[in-house]
Amino acid sequence: MAEAHEADRLPRLGMIAPTLSVTYSLTEAGGATRAVRLGEHVGKVSISCLAPSDGLGVEDHAP
């Protein structure tokens, strides 16, 4: 549990920045899940749910 807490704490402090490797649309969520389960990605996988187009999603800049 301590390791998971530390892994969450470091990005919030801005000490590390997770890499976003790919973004899927909501209709491609099944493919995103498959890629994660099979280890076919490097970094974070994002599913865009509410953004009308690329680059218009919500960003959390909180420390």
Protein backbone atom coordinates (compact mmCIF):
# COMPACT_ATOMS: atom_id res chain seq x y z
CA MET A 1 0.00 0.00 0.00
CA ALA A 2 2.86 2.41 0.75
CA GLU A 3 4.25 1.88 -2.75
CA ALA A 4 0.89 2.73 -4.35
CA HIS A 5 0.62 5.85 -2.20
CA GLU A 6 4.10 6.96 -3.26
CA ALA A 7 3.31 6.29 -6.93
CA ASP A 8 0.29 8.58 -6.61
CA ARG A 9 2.11 11.25 -4.60
CA LEU A 10 5.04 11.88 -6.94
CA PRO A 11 3.00 13.02 -9.97
CA ARG A 12 0.83 15.26 -7.76
CA LEU A 13 3.99 16.97 -6.50
CA GLY A 14 5.25 17.42 -10.06
CA MET A 15 8.30 15.26 -9.37
CA ILE A 16 7.47 12.88 -12.22
CA ALA A 17 5.17 13.18 -15.23
CA PRO A 18 3.44 10.06 -16.55
CA THR A 19 3.76 9.56 -20.31
CA LEU A 20 0.53 9.43 -22.30
CA SER A 21 1.15 6.91 -25.05
CA VAL A 22 -2.22 6.76 -26.79
CA THR A 23 -5.74 8.21 -26.63
CA TYR A 24 -8.81 6.20 -27.60
CA SER A 25 -12.32 7.46 -28.28
CA LEU A 26 -15.12 6.19 -26.05
CA THR A 27 -16.28 3.90 -28.86
CA GLU A 28 -12.79 2.32 -28.86
CA ALA A 29 -12.78 1.63 -25.09
CA GLY A 30 -12.84 -2.12 -25.69
CA GLY A 31 -9.66 -1.88 -27.77
CA ALA A 32 -8.05 0.26 -25.09
CA THR A 33 -8.86 -2.34 -22.45
CA ARG A 34 -7.46 -5.09 -24.64
CA ALA A 35 -4.22 -3.17 -25.25
CA VAL A 36 -3.74 -2.64 -21.50
CA ARG A 37 -4.50 -6.27 -20.62
CA LEU A 38 -2.05 -7.53 -23.26
CA GLY A 39 0.66 -5.04 -22.32
CA GLU A 40 0.63 -3.49 -25.79
CA HIS A 41 1.24 0.04 -24.53
CA VAL A 42 3.99 2.07 -22.92
CA GLY A 43 2.86 4.77 -20.50
CA LYS A 44 -0.70 5.83 -19.83
CA VAL A 45 -3.72 5.05 -21.98
CA SER A 46 -6.47 7.68 -22.20
CA ILE A 47 -10.11 7.33 -23.20
CA SER A 48 -11.65 10.57 -24.44
CA CYS A 49 -15.25 10.74 -23.25
CA LEU A 50 -16.48 14.34 -23.37
CA ALA A 51 -14.07 16.31 -25.56
CA PRO A 52 -15.57 17.36 -28.92
CA SER A 53 -12.15 16.94 -30.60
CA ASP A 54 -8.51 16.18 -29.81
CA GLY A 55 -6.84 18.66 -27.49
CA LEU A 56 -10.08 19.90 -25.94
CA GLY A 57 -10.28 17.58 -22.95
CA VAL A 58 -10.09 18.51 -19.29
CA GLU A 59 -6.61 18.92 -17.87
CA ASP A 60 -5.85 18.79 -14.15
CA HIS A 61 -3.00 21.15 -13.35
CA ALA A 62 -3.41 20.86 -9.58
CA PRO A 63 -0.21 20.09 -7.66
